[in-house]
C-alpha atoms as a PDB file:
ATOM      1  CA  MET A   1      16.502  13.564  -5.552  1.00  0.00           C
ATOM      2  CA  ASN A   2      19.049  15.904  -4.148  1.00  0.00           C
ATOM      3  CA  GLN A   3      22.199  14.714  -2.404  1.00  0.00           C
ATOM      4  CA  LYS A   4      20.629  14.898   1.090  1.00  0.00           C
ATOM      5  CA  ALA A   5      17.634  12.916   0.205  1.00  0.00           C
ATOM      6  CA  GLU A   6      19.848  10.358  -1.341  1.00  0.00           C
ATOM      7  CA  GLU A   7      21.979  10.140   1.655  1.00  0.00           C
ATOM      8  CA  ASN A   8      18.857   9.765   3.785  1.00  0.00           C
ATOM      9  CA  THR A   9      17.633   6.959   1.469  1.00  0.00           C
ATOM     10  CA  GLU A  10      20.720   5.127   2.009  1.00  0.00           C
ATOM     11  CA  GLU A  11      20.406   5.286   5.725  1.00  0.00           C
ATOM     12  CA  ILE A  12      17.034   4.227   5.569  1.00  0.00           C
ATOM     13  CA  ILE A  13      17.936   1.052   3.527  1.00  0.00           C
ATOM     14  CA  GLN A  14      20.810   0.299   5.970  1.00  0.00           C
ATOM     15  CA  THR A  15      18.475   0.587   8.900  1.00  0.00           C
ATOM     16  CA  MET A  16      15.755  -1.642   7.396  1.00  0.00           C
ATOM     17  CA  LYS A  17      18.406  -4.310   6.393  1.00  0.00           C
ATOM     18  CA  ARG A  18      19.858  -4.319   9.926  1.00  0.00           C
ATOM     19  CA  PHE A  19      16.465  -4.823  11.540  1.00  0.00           C
ATOM     20  CA  LEU A  20      15.688  -7.594   8.965  1.00  0.00           C
ATOM     21  CA  ASN A  21      18.939  -9.503   9.409  1.00  0.00           C
ATOM     22  CA  GLU A  22      18.669  -9.372  13.275  1.00  0.00           C
ATOM     23  CA  ASN A  23      15.144 -10.515  13.306  1.00  0.00           C
ATOM     24  CA  TYR A  24      15.259 -13.245  10.570  1.00  0.00           C
ATOM     25  CA  ALA A  25      18.728 -14.618  11.261  1.00  0.00           C
ATOM     26  CA  GLN A  26      17.314 -18.130  11.516  1.00  0.00           C
ATOM     27  CA  GLY A  27      14.740 -18.124   8.761  1.00  0.00           C
ATOM     28  CA  ALA A  28      13.356 -16.646   5.557  1.00  0.00           C
ATOM     29  CA  ILE A  29      13.500 -12.892   5.676  1.00  0.00           C
ATOM     30  CA  LYS A  30      10.059 -11.196   5.578  1.00  0.00           C
ATOM     31  CA  ARG A  31       8.876  -7.806   4.334  1.00  0.00           C
ATOM     32  CA  ASN A  32      10.147  -4.931   6.607  1.00  0.00           C
ATOM     33  CA  PHE A  33       6.503  -3.654   6.732  1.00  0.00           C
ATOM     34  CA  HIS A  34       3.218  -5.570   6.053  1.00  0.00           C
ATOM     35  CA  PRO A  35       4.852  -8.971   6.936  1.00  0.00           C
ATOM     36  CA  LYS A  36       1.607 -10.439   8.183  1.00  0.00           C
ATOM     37  CA  MET A  37      -0.392 -11.448   5.149  1.00  0.00           C
ATOM     38  CA  HIS A  38      -4.153 -12.020   5.500  1.00  0.00           C
ATOM     39  CA  GLY A  39      -4.540 -13.296   2.002  1.00  0.00           C
ATOM     40  CA  CYS A  40      -3.490 -13.376  -1.501  1.00  0.00           C
ATOM     41  CA  LEU A  41      -6.584 -13.070  -3.729  1.00  0.00           C
ATOM     42  CA  LYS A  42      -7.399 -13.313  -7.383  1.00  0.00           C
ATOM     43  CA  ALA A  43      -9.369 -10.421  -8.789  1.00  0.00           C
ATOM     44  CA  THR A  44     -10.640  -8.662 -11.879  1.00  0.00           C
ATOM     45  CA  LEU A  45     -10.176  -4.872 -12.454  1.00  0.00           C
ATOM     46  CA  LYS A  46     -12.752  -3.744 -14.782  1.00  0.00           C
ATOM     47  CA  ILE A  47     -11.891  -0.182 -16.517  1.00  0.00           C
ATOM     48  CA  ARG A  48     -14.899   1.950 -16.976  1.00  0.00           C
ATOM     49  CA  ALA A  49     -16.197   3.211 -20.279  1.00  0.00           C
ATOM     50  CA  ASP A  50     -17.203   6.628 -19.093  1.00  0.00           C
ATOM     51  CA  ILE A  51     -13.925   7.964 -18.200  1.00  0.00           C
ATOM     52  CA  ALA A  52     -13.189  11.662 -18.987  1.00  0.00           C
ATOM     53  CA  PRO A  53     -10.712  12.147 -21.864  1.00  0.00           C
ATOM     54  CA  HIS A  54      -8.076  13.759 -19.837  1.00  0.00           C
ATOM     55  CA  LEU A  55      -7.994  10.775 -17.507  1.00  0.00           C
ATOM     56  CA  ARG A  56      -7.633   8.345 -20.121  1.00  0.00           C
ATOM     57  CA  HIS A  57      -4.053   7.194 -19.714  1.00  0.00           C
ATOM     58  CA  GLY A  58      -2.059   4.036 -18.705  1.00  0.00           C
ATOM     59  CA  ILE A  59      -4.441   1.321 -17.772  1.00  0.00           C
ATOM     60  CA  PHE A  60      -7.299   3.622 -17.801  1.00  0.00           C
ATOM     61  CA  ARG A  61      -6.840   4.347 -21.491  1.00  0.00           C
ATOM     62  CA  GLU A  62      -9.796   2.194 -22.660  1.00  0.00           C
ATOM     63  CA  GLU A  63     -12.537  -0.045 -21.355  1.00  0.00           C
ATOM     64  CA  ARG A  64     -11.216  -3.526 -20.818  1.00  0.00           C
ATOM     65  CA  ASN A  65     -10.867  -6.101 -18.040  1.00  0.00           C
ATOM     66  CA  TYR A  66      -7.460  -7.033 -16.329  1.00  0.00           C
ATOM     67  CA  ASP A  67      -6.756 -10.090 -14.251  1.00  0.00           C
ATOM     68  CA  ALA A  68      -5.056  -9.012 -10.929  1.00  0.00           C
ATOM     69  CA  TRP A  69      -3.543 -10.360  -7.626  1.00  0.00           C
ATOM     70  CA  LEU A  70      -4.216  -8.673  -4.376  1.00  0.00           C
ATOM     71  CA  ARG A  71      -2.269  -8.949  -0.954  1.00  0.00           C
ATOM     72  CA  LEU A  72      -3.994  -8.054   2.238  1.00  0.00           C
ATOM     73  CA  SER A  73      -1.901  -7.355   5.166  1.00  0.00           C
ATOM     74  CA  ASN A  74      -1.202  -5.669   8.598  1.00  0.00           C
ATOM     75  CA  ALA A  75       1.292  -2.741   8.303  1.00  0.00           C
ATOM     76  CA  PRO A  76       3.471  -3.146  11.432  1.00  0.00           C
ATOM     77  CA  PRO A  77       7.047  -4.579  10.980  1.00  0.00           C
ATOM     78  CA  LYS A  78       6.160  -7.489  13.403  1.00  0.00           C
ATOM     79  CA  SER A  79       3.283  -9.696  13.166  1.00  0.00           C
ATOM     80  CA  GLN A  80       0.813  -8.928  15.973  1.00  0.00           C
ATOM     81  CA  SER A  81      -2.799  -9.607  16.878  1.00  0.00           C
ATOM     82  CA  ASP A  82      -5.519  -8.304  14.402  1.00  0.00           C
ATOM     83  CA  THR A  83      -7.331  -6.882  17.515  1.00  0.00           C
ATOM     84  CA  ASN A  84      -4.718  -4.253  17.889  1.00  0.00           C
ATOM     85  CA  SER A  85      -5.091  -0.679  16.291  1.00  0.00           C
ATOM     86  CA  SER A  86      -2.954  -0.648  13.034  1.00  0.00           C
ATOM     87  CA  GLY A  87      -2.768   0.423   9.531  1.00  0.00           C
ATOM     88  CA  ARG A  88      -4.041  -2.386   7.079  1.00  0.00           C
ATOM     89  CA  GLY A  89      -2.688  -2.597   3.404  1.00  0.00           C
ATOM     90  CA  LEU A  90      -4.145  -3.800   0.101  1.00  0.00           C
ATOM     91  CA  ALA A  91      -1.645  -4.028  -2.557  1.00  0.00           C
ATOM     92  CA  ILE A  92      -3.007  -4.574  -6.380  1.00  0.00           C
ATOM     93  CA  LYS A  93      -0.798  -6.204  -9.120  1.00  0.00           C
ATOM     94  CA  VAL A  94      -2.718  -5.660 -12.437  1.00  0.00           C
ATOM     95  CA  LEU A  95      -1.447  -8.131 -14.959  1.00  0.00           C
ATOM     96  CA  ASP A  96      -0.515  -7.953 -18.557  1.00  0.00           C
ATOM     97  CA  VAL A  97      -0.730  -4.193 -18.887  1.00  0.00           C
ATOM     98  CA  GLU A  98       0.484  -2.443 -22.116  1.00  0.00           C
ATOM     99  CA  GLY A  99       2.682   0.587 -22.314  1.00  0.00           C
ATOM    100  CA  GLU A 100       6.289   1.797 -21.500  1.00  0.00           C
ATOM    101  CA  GLN A 101       7.351   0.266 -18.272  1.00  0.00           C
ATOM    102  CA  LEU A 102       9.335   1.902 -15.430  1.00  0.00           C
ATOM    103  CA  ASP A 103      10.636  -1.198 -13.366  1.00  0.00           C
ATOM    104  CA  ALA A 104      10.188  -4.697 -14.438  1.00  0.00           C
ATOM    105  CA  ASP A 105       8.129  -7.102 -12.326  1.00  0.00           C
ATOM    106  CA  PRO A 106      10.072 -10.164 -11.224  1.00  0.00           C
ATOM    107  CA  LEU A 107       6.809 -12.105 -12.019  1.00  0.00           C
ATOM    108  CA  GLY A 108       8.036 -11.960 -15.596  1.00  0.00           C
ATOM    109  CA  ILE A 109       5.112 -10.113 -17.154  1.00  0.00           C
ATOM    110  CA  PRO A 110       4.343  -6.381 -17.405  1.00  0.00           C
ATOM    111  CA  THR A 111       2.221  -5.354 -14.503  1.00  0.00           C
ATOM    112  CA  GLN A 112       0.853  -2.254 -12.706  1.00  0.00           C
ATOM    113  CA  ASN A 113       1.224  -1.981  -8.936  1.00  0.00           C
ATOM    114  CA  PHE A 114      -1.003  -0.046  -6.714  1.00  0.00           C
ATOM    115  CA  LEU A 115       0.178   0.267  -2.960  1.00  0.00           C
ATOM    116  CA  LEU A 116      -2.649   1.269  -0.805  1.00  0.00           C
ATOM    117  CA  THR A 117      -3.096   1.493   3.018  1.00  0.00           C
ATOM    118  CA  SER A 118      -6.112   2.294   5.313  1.00  0.00           C
ATOM    119  CA  SER A 119      -4.371   5.664   5.972  1.00  0.00           C
ATOM    120  CA  PRO A 120      -5.125   8.610   3.665  1.00  0.00           C
ATOM    121  CA  ILE A 121      -1.671  10.062   4.277  1.00  0.00           C
ATOM    122  CA  LEU A 122       1.890   9.119   4.894  1.00  0.00           C
ATOM    123  CA  SER A 123       2.772  10.498   8.371  1.00  0.00           C
ATOM    124  CA  THR A 124       6.480  11.164   7.467  1.00  0.00           C
ATOM    125  CA  TRP A 125       6.581  13.705   4.628  1.00  0.00           C
ATOM    126  CA  ASN A 126      10.316  13.851   3.837  1.00  0.00           C
ATOM    127  CA  THR A 127      13.280  11.325   3.877  1.00  0.00           C
ATOM    128  CA  GLY A 128      14.868  13.000   6.637  1.00  0.00           C
ATOM    129  CA  LEU A 129      11.940  12.625   9.066  1.00  0.00           C
ATOM    130  CA  TYR A 130      11.293   9.120   7.690  1.00  0.00           C
ATOM    131  CA  LYS A 131      14.880   8.176   8.356  1.00  0.00           C
ATOM    132  CA  LYS A 132      14.337   8.987  12.238  1.00  0.00           C
ATOM    133  CA  ALA A 133      10.965   7.580  12.440  1.00  0.00           C
ATOM    134  CA  ILE A 134      12.082   4.168  10.955  1.00  0.00           C
ATOM    135  CA  LYS A 135      14.684   3.905  13.828  1.00  0.00           C
ATOM    136  CA  ALA A 136      11.931   4.524  16.352  1.00  0.00           C
ATOM    137  CA  VAL A 137       9.551   2.254  14.928  1.00  0.00           C
ATOM    138  CA  LEU A 138      12.083  -0.689  14.518  1.00  0.00           C
ATOM    139  CA  PHE A 139      14.453  -0.411  17.411  1.00  0.00           C
ATOM    140  CA  GLY A 140      12.582  -0.213  20.571  1.00  0.00           C
ATOM    141  CA  PHE A 141      12.068   1.966  23.558  1.00  0.00           C
ATOM    142  CA  TRP A 142      15.030   4.389  23.698  1.00  0.00           C
ATOM    143  CA  GLU A 143      14.773   5.084  20.018  1.00  0.00           C
ATOM    144  CA  ARG A 144      11.050   5.793  20.307  1.00  0.00           C
ATOM    145  CA  LEU A 145      11.800   8.073  23.317  1.00  0.00           C
ATOM    146  CA  TRP A 146      14.435  10.052  21.645  1.00  0.00           C
ATOM    147  CA  PHE A 147      12.012  10.474  18.604  1.00  0.00           C
ATOM    148  CA  ALA A 148       9.138  11.476  20.784  1.00  0.00           C
ATOM    149  CA  ILE A 149      10.675  14.103  22.854  1.00  0.00           C
ATOM    150  CA  ASN A 150      11.585  16.217  19.831  1.00  0.00           C
ATOM    151  CA  PRO A 151       8.478  18.821  19.334  1.00  0.00           C
ATOM    152  CA  LEU A 152       9.301  18.636  15.528  1.00  0.00           C
ATOM    153  CA  HIS A 153       8.328  15.027  15.419  1.00  0.00           C
ATOM    154  CA  TRP A 154       4.823  15.577  17.256  1.00  0.00           C
ATOM    155  CA  ARG A 155       2.727  16.101  14.248  1.00  0.00           C
ATOM    156  CA  SER A 156       3.934  12.902  12.608  1.00  0.00           C
ATOM    157  CA  ILE A 157       3.420  10.958  15.858  1.00  0.00           C
ATOM    158  CA  PHE A 158      -0.071  12.384  16.173  1.00  0.00           C
ATOM    159  CA  LEU A 159      -0.923  11.446  12.514  1.00  0.00           C
ATOM    160  CA  THR A 160       0.378   7.921  12.998  1.00  0.00           C
ATOM    161  CA  PHE A 161      -1.926   7.317  16.007  1.00  0.00           C
ATOM    162  CA  LYS A 162      -4.831   9.054  14.400  1.00  0.00           C
ATOM    163  CA  TYR A 163      -5.010   6.722  11.490  1.00  0.00           C
ATOM    164  CA  ALA A 164      -4.026   3.452  13.257  1.00  0.00           C
ATOM    165  CA  LYS A 165      -7.562   1.953  13.835  1.00  0.00           C
ATOM    166  CA  LYS A 166      -9.125  -1.185  14.720  1.00  0.00           C
ATOM    167  CA  HIS A 167     -10.961  -2.794  11.880  1.00  0.00           C
ATOM    168  CA  ASP A 168     -13.592  -5.536  11.773  1.00  0.00           C
ATOM    169  CA  ASN A 169     -13.447  -6.531   8.098  1.00  0.00           C
ATOM    170  CA  LEU A 170     -10.867  -5.988   5.452  1.00  0.00           C
ATOM    171  CA  LEU A 171     -13.597  -5.994   2.641  1.00  0.00           C
ATOM    172  CA  GLY A 172     -15.271  -2.918   4.284  1.00  0.00           C
ATOM    173  CA  ILE A 173     -12.295  -0.516   4.530  1.00  0.00           C
ATOM    174  CA  THR A 174     -11.321   2.308   2.175  1.00  0.00           C
ATOM    175  CA  TYR A 175      -7.767   2.192   1.011  1.00  0.00           C
ATOM    176  CA  PHE A 176      -5.433   5.161  -0.198  1.00  0.00           C
ATOM    177  CA  SER A 177      -2.216   5.488  -2.143  1.00  0.00           C
ATOM    178  CA  GLY A 178      -0.933   8.180   0.311  1.00  0.00           C
ATOM    179  CA  ALA A 179       1.508   9.659  -2.105  1.00  0.00           C
ATOM    180  CA  ALA A 180       0.852  11.258  -5.523  1.00  0.00           C
ATOM    181  CA  PHE A 181       1.254   9.825  -8.922  1.00  0.00           C
ATOM    182  CA  CYS A 182       1.094  11.094 -12.455  1.00  0.00           C
ATOM    183  CA  LEU A 183      -1.799  10.084 -14.723  1.00  0.00           C
ATOM    184  CA  GLY A 184      -0.565  10.740 -18.221  1.00  0.00           C
ATOM    185  CA  PRO A 185       1.503  13.817 -19.099  1.00  0.00           C
ATOM    186  CA  ALA A 186      -0.582  16.558 -17.585  1.00  0.00           C
ATOM    187  CA  ALA A 187      -2.393  15.231 -14.361  1.00  0.00           C
ATOM    188  CA  TYR A 188      -1.440  14.357 -10.798  1.00  0.00           C
ATOM    189  CA  VAL A 189      -3.595  12.093  -8.801  1.00  0.00           C
ATOM    190  CA  LYS A 190      -4.011  10.093  -5.594  1.00  0.00           C
ATOM    191  CA  PHE A 191      -5.643   6.654  -5.930  1.00  0.00           C
ATOM    192  CA  ILE A 192      -8.309   5.557  -3.543  1.00  0.00           C
ATOM    193  CA  LEU A 193     -10.021   2.066  -3.447  1.00  0.00           C
ATOM    194  CA  LYS A 194     -13.615   2.310  -1.975  1.00  0.00           C
ATOM    195  CA  PRO A 195     -15.600  -0.800  -0.889  1.00  0.00           C
ATOM    196  CA  LYS A 196     -19.031  -0.959  -2.398  1.00  0.00           C
ATOM    197  CA  LYS A 197     -20.312  -2.297   0.983  1.00  0.00           C
ATOM    198  CA  ASN A 198     -18.633  -0.203   3.655  1.00  0.00           C
ATOM    199  CA  HIS A 199     -20.704  -1.415   6.570  1.00  0.00           C
ATOM    200  CA  LEU A 200     -19.156  -4.910   6.671  1.00  0.00           C
ATOM    201  CA  GLY A 201     -18.227  -6.029  10.043  1.00  0.00           C
ATOM    202  CA  TYR A 202     -17.228  -9.025  12.113  1.00  0.00           C
ATOM    203  CA  THR A 203     -19.717 -11.941  11.847  1.00  0.00           C
ATOM    204  CA  LEU A 204     -17.936 -15.112  13.006  1.00  0.00           C
ATOM    205  CA  ASN A 205     -19.836 -16.728  15.987  1.00  0.00           C
ATOM    206  CA  LYS A 206     -16.777 -16.605  18.304  1.00  0.00           C
ATOM    207  CA  PRO A 207     -14.575 -14.093  20.041  1.00  0.00           C
ATOM    208  CA  LYS A 208     -11.914 -12.360  17.998  1.00  0.00           C
ATOM    209  CA  GLY A 209      -8.780 -14.154  17.910  1.00  0.00           C
ATOM    210  CA  GLU A 210      -5.453 -12.767  16.913  1.00  0.00           C
ATOM    211  CA  ASN A 211      -5.941 -13.841  13.155  1.00  0.00           C
ATOM    212  CA  PHE A 212      -9.674 -12.938  13.041  1.00  0.00           C
ATOM    213  CA  LEU A 213      -9.314 -10.826   9.852  1.00  0.00           C
ATOM    214  CA  ARG A 214      -8.056 -13.576   7.852  1.00  0.00           C
ATOM    215  CA  GLU A 215     -10.685 -15.971   9.317  1.00  0.00           C
ATOM    216  CA  GLN A 216     -13.323 -13.462   8.414  1.00  0.00           C
ATOM    217  CA  LEU A 217     -12.022 -12.923   5.018  1.00  0.00           C
ATOM    218  CA  VAL A 218     -11.888 -16.816   4.457  1.00  0.00           C
ATOM    219  CA  MET A 219     -15.652 -16.943   5.390  1.00  0.00           C
ATOM    220  CA  ASP A 220     -16.762 -14.007   3.435  1.00  0.00           C
ATOM    221  CA  LEU A 221     -14.964 -15.134   0.102  1.00  0.00           C
ATOM    222  CA  GLY A 222     -16.109 -18.695   0.777  1.00  0.00           C
ATOM    223  CA  GLU A 223     -19.662 -17.498   0.247  1.00  0.00           C
ATOM    224  CA  LYS A 224     -19.875 -14.732  -2.448  1.00  0.00           C
ATOM    225  CA  ASP A 225     -18.157 -12.076  -4.602  1.00  0.00           C
ATOM    226  CA  TYR A 226     -17.092  -8.755  -3.315  1.00  0.00           C
ATOM    227  CA  TYR A 227     -16.546  -5.284  -5.038  1.00  0.00           C
ATOM    228  CA  PHE A 228     -14.551  -2.138  -4.635  1.00  0.00           C
ATOM    229  CA  ILE A 229     -14.355   1.100  -6.802  1.00  0.00           C
ATOM    230  CA  LEU A 230     -10.855   2.312  -7.810  1.00  0.00           C
ATOM    231  CA  GLY A 231     -10.853   5.934  -8.497  1.00  0.00           C
ATOM    232  CA  VAL A 232      -8.640   9.171  -8.145  1.00  0.00           C
ATOM    233  CA  GLN A 233      -8.619  12.652  -6.573  1.00  0.00           C
ATOM    234  CA  VAL A 234      -7.182  15.056  -9.082  1.00  0.00           C
ATOM    235  CA  HIS A 235      -4.517  17.670  -8.218  1.00  0.00           C
ATOM    236  CA  GLU A 236      -5.574  21.376  -8.812  1.00  0.00           C
ATOM    237  CA  SER A 237      -3.894  23.520  -6.371  1.00  0.00           C
ATOM    238  CA  LYS A 238      -0.689  23.366  -4.132  1.00  0.00           C
ATOM    239  CA  LYS A 239      -2.729  24.298  -0.975  1.00  0.00           C
ATOM    240  CA  LYS A 240      -5.585  21.900  -1.335  1.00  0.00           C
ATOM    241  CA  GLN A 241      -3.792  19.173  -3.098  1.00  0.00           C
ATOM    242  CA  PRO A 242      -0.109  19.273  -2.019  1.00  0.00           C
ATOM    243  CA  LEU A 243       2.189  16.977  -4.120  1.00  0.00           C
ATOM    244  CA  GLU A 244       5.298  16.741  -1.743  1.00  0.00           C
ATOM    245  CA  ASN A 245       3.644  16.965   1.528  1.00  0.00           C
ATOM    246  CA  THR A 246       2.059  13.524   2.021  1.00  0.00           C
ATOM    247  CA  SER A 247       0.811  14.295   5.506  1.00  0.00           C
ATOM    248  CA  LYS A 248      -2.002  16.474   4.200  1.00  0.00           C
ATOM    249  CA  VAL A 249      -5.459  14.970   3.234  1.00  0.00           C
ATOM    250  CA  TRP A 250      -6.398  16.146  -0.174  1.00  0.00           C
ATOM    251  CA  GLU A 251      -9.572  18.139  -0.578  1.00  0.00           C
ATOM    252  CA  ALA A 252     -10.793  16.998  -3.680  1.00  0.00           C
ATOM    253  CA  PRO A 253     -13.887  14.678  -5.177  1.00  0.00           C
ATOM    254  CA  PHE A 254     -13.483  11.190  -5.947  1.00  0.00           C
ATOM    255  CA  ILE A 255     -13.569  10.198  -9.455  1.00  0.00           C
ATOM    256  CA  PRO A 256     -14.355   6.560 -10.245  1.00  0.00           C
ATOM    257  CA  LEU A 257     -12.251   4.903 -12.967  1.00  0.00           C
ATOM    258  CA  ALA A 258     -12.535   1.139 -12.486  1.00  0.00           C
ATOM    259  CA  ASP A 259     -14.382  -1.577 -10.598  1.00  0.00           C
ATOM    260  CA  LEU A 260     -12.439  -4.285  -8.676  1.00  0.00           C
ATOM    261  CA  GLN A 261     -14.238  -7.728  -8.508  1.00  0.00           C
ATOM    262  CA  ILE A 262     -12.980 -10.133  -5.811  1.00  0.00           C
ATOM    263  CA  PRO A 263     -14.762 -13.528  -6.743  1.00  0.00           C
ATOM    264  CA  LYS A 264     -15.755 -16.134  -4.415  1.00  0.00           C
ATOM    265  CA  GLN A 265     -12.562 -18.255  -3.871  1.00  0.00           C
ATOM    266  CA  GLU A 266     -10.730 -20.528  -1.634  1.00  0.00           C
ATOM    267  CA  PHE A 267      -7.326 -18.825  -0.988  1.00  0.00           C
ATOM    268  CA  ASP A 268      -6.139 -19.985   2.505  1.00  0.00           C
ATOM    269  CA  THR A 269      -3.904 -22.754   1.144  1.00  0.00           C
ATOM    270  CA  SER A 270      -0.062 -23.285   1.653  1.00  0.00           C
ATOM    271  CA  ASP A 271       0.547 -22.778  -2.116  1.00  0.00           C
ATOM    272  CA  ARG A 272      -1.292 -19.556  -2.313  1.00  0.00           C
ATOM    273  CA  ARG A 273       0.322 -18.250   0.961  1.00  0.00           C
ATOM    274  CA  ALA A 274       3.863 -18.962  -0.502  1.00  0.00           C
ATOM    275  CA  PHE A 275       2.949 -17.394  -3.693  1.00  0.00           C
ATOM    276  CA  GLY A 276       1.753 -14.235  -2.043  1.00  0.00           C
ATOM    277  CA  ASP A 277       4.707 -13.962   0.156  1.00  0.00           C
ATOM    278  CA  LYS A 278       7.022 -14.130  -2.938  1.00  0.00           C
ATOM    279  CA  LEU A 279       5.170 -11.438  -4.862  1.00  0.00           C
ATOM    280  CA  VAL A 280       7.222  -8.254  -5.047  1.00  0.00           C
ATOM    281  CA  PHE A 281       5.225  -4.865  -4.934  1.00  0.00           C
ATOM    282  CA  SER A 282       6.583  -1.514  -5.558  1.00  0.00           C
ATOM    283  CA  PRO A 283       4.982   1.822  -6.662  1.00  0.00           C
ATOM    284  CA  TRP A 284       7.604   1.914  -9.460  1.00  0.00           C
ATOM    285  CA  ILE A 285       6.506  -1.521 -11.037  1.00  0.00           C
ATOM    286  CA  GLY A 286       4.215  -0.102 -13.557  1.00  0.00           C
ATOM    287  CA  LEU A 287       3.734   2.154 -16.431  1.00  0.00           C
ATOM    288  CA  LYS A 288       5.458   5.566 -17.176  1.00  0.00           C
ATOM    289  CA  ASP A 289       1.933   7.029 -17.388  1.00  0.00           C
ATOM    290  CA  HIS A 290       1.506   6.303 -13.620  1.00  0.00           C
ATOM    291  CA  LEU A 291       4.903   7.580 -12.626  1.00  0.00           C
ATOM    292  CA  PRO A 292       5.429   8.180  -8.816  1.00  0.00           C
ATOM    293  CA  VAL A 293       5.708  11.782  -7.745  1.00  0.00           C
ATOM    294  CA  GLY A 294       7.707  13.440  -4.779  1.00  0.00           C
ATOM    295  CA  GLU A 295      10.683  12.762  -2.734  1.00  0.00           C
ATOM    296  CA  LEU A 296       9.280  10.046  -0.641  1.00  0.00           C
ATOM    297  CA  ASN A 297       8.120   8.087  -3.876  1.00  0.00           C
ATOM    298  CA  GLN A 298      11.603   8.661  -5.312  1.00  0.00           C
ATOM    299  CA  ALA A 299      13.220   7.077  -2.138  1.00  0.00           C
ATOM    300  CA  ARG A 300      10.758   4.167  -2.241  1.00  0.00           C
ATOM    301  CA  ARG A 301      12.109   3.072  -5.486  1.00  0.00           C
ATOM    302  CA  ARG A 302      15.530   2.169  -4.155  1.00  0.00           C
ATOM    303  CA  VAL A 303      14.131   0.993  -0.683  1.00  0.00           C
ATOM    304  CA  TYR A 304      11.688  -1.504  -2.459  1.00  0.00           C
ATOM    305  CA  GLN A 305      14.362  -2.895  -4.887  1.00  0.00           C
ATOM    306  CA  GLU A 306      16.963  -3.391  -2.350  1.00  0.00           C
ATOM    307  CA  LEU A 307      14.841  -5.041   0.385  1.00  0.00           C
ATOM    308  CA  ALA A 308      13.249  -7.244  -2.248  1.00  0.00           C
ATOM    309  CA  ALA A 309      16.542  -8.361  -3.476  1.00  0.00           C
ATOM    310  CA  LEU A 310      17.530  -9.118   0.182  1.00  0.00           C
ATOM    311  CA  ARG A 311      14.512 -11.260   0.695  1.00  0.00           C
ATOM    312  CA  SER A 312      15.117 -13.284  -2.641  1.00  0.00           C
END
């Protein structure tokens, strides 16, 4: 990062720390974003055998099965009703991976993290814009008004509202990495996680409550297994697949690389909730073959490290 981006990153970190210290002064500090967890799930990631040679890098190098943990969540910095329009998150922690690591996982074993949300883009595409947007999101009406009256911010605001949606079932959503990553020494990709059943809805026989997404998840996974496909879009041109501008949806085909199986399970317990809250996720916890790309990803390294240390 250049000096200005480093200065912006430091200001982002201090803004987030201020918010967390003010809002959790009397208790355990939660995540700045995605604090409301719907569930921490056991899963298996099955790498496919038919991957093209130029994409066979990192955890996709060979056909094999990995154990994994998933954390599903709402994006906003304060817990709110699941009936609101919002971004949803699905973070994957693939366990016992092999290869040169970037940052170590506090879990104590080598892992590969994928941080995915229900939005195909990141609506703030540089650290300067992100610095201003963070203050608007975290500190109320006047900061939001100050941000909103600047025409240079209107596109970011539009995209934020465009991709904040109401969802009926977390197992029927497509999730995206938003930013780009390396896949070995010569390819750049974005990761996408697609449900094998994308028509899933709300099936509980009662009105939707503020925690209905978790309640639906409990019922669904109490009955059977569910499946997703993890794949990539590959960068081929600056115009159709920009690496730095995270606000542009990539125009590229989806290439399947692995199958994610979420087995039938009981997860809504105090021990599992405590474990899920303690897990640390970062796009930089993983293999060098999956190196994060771009200014925002560079900033995320320090942001995630310092906020995780604050929570612990």
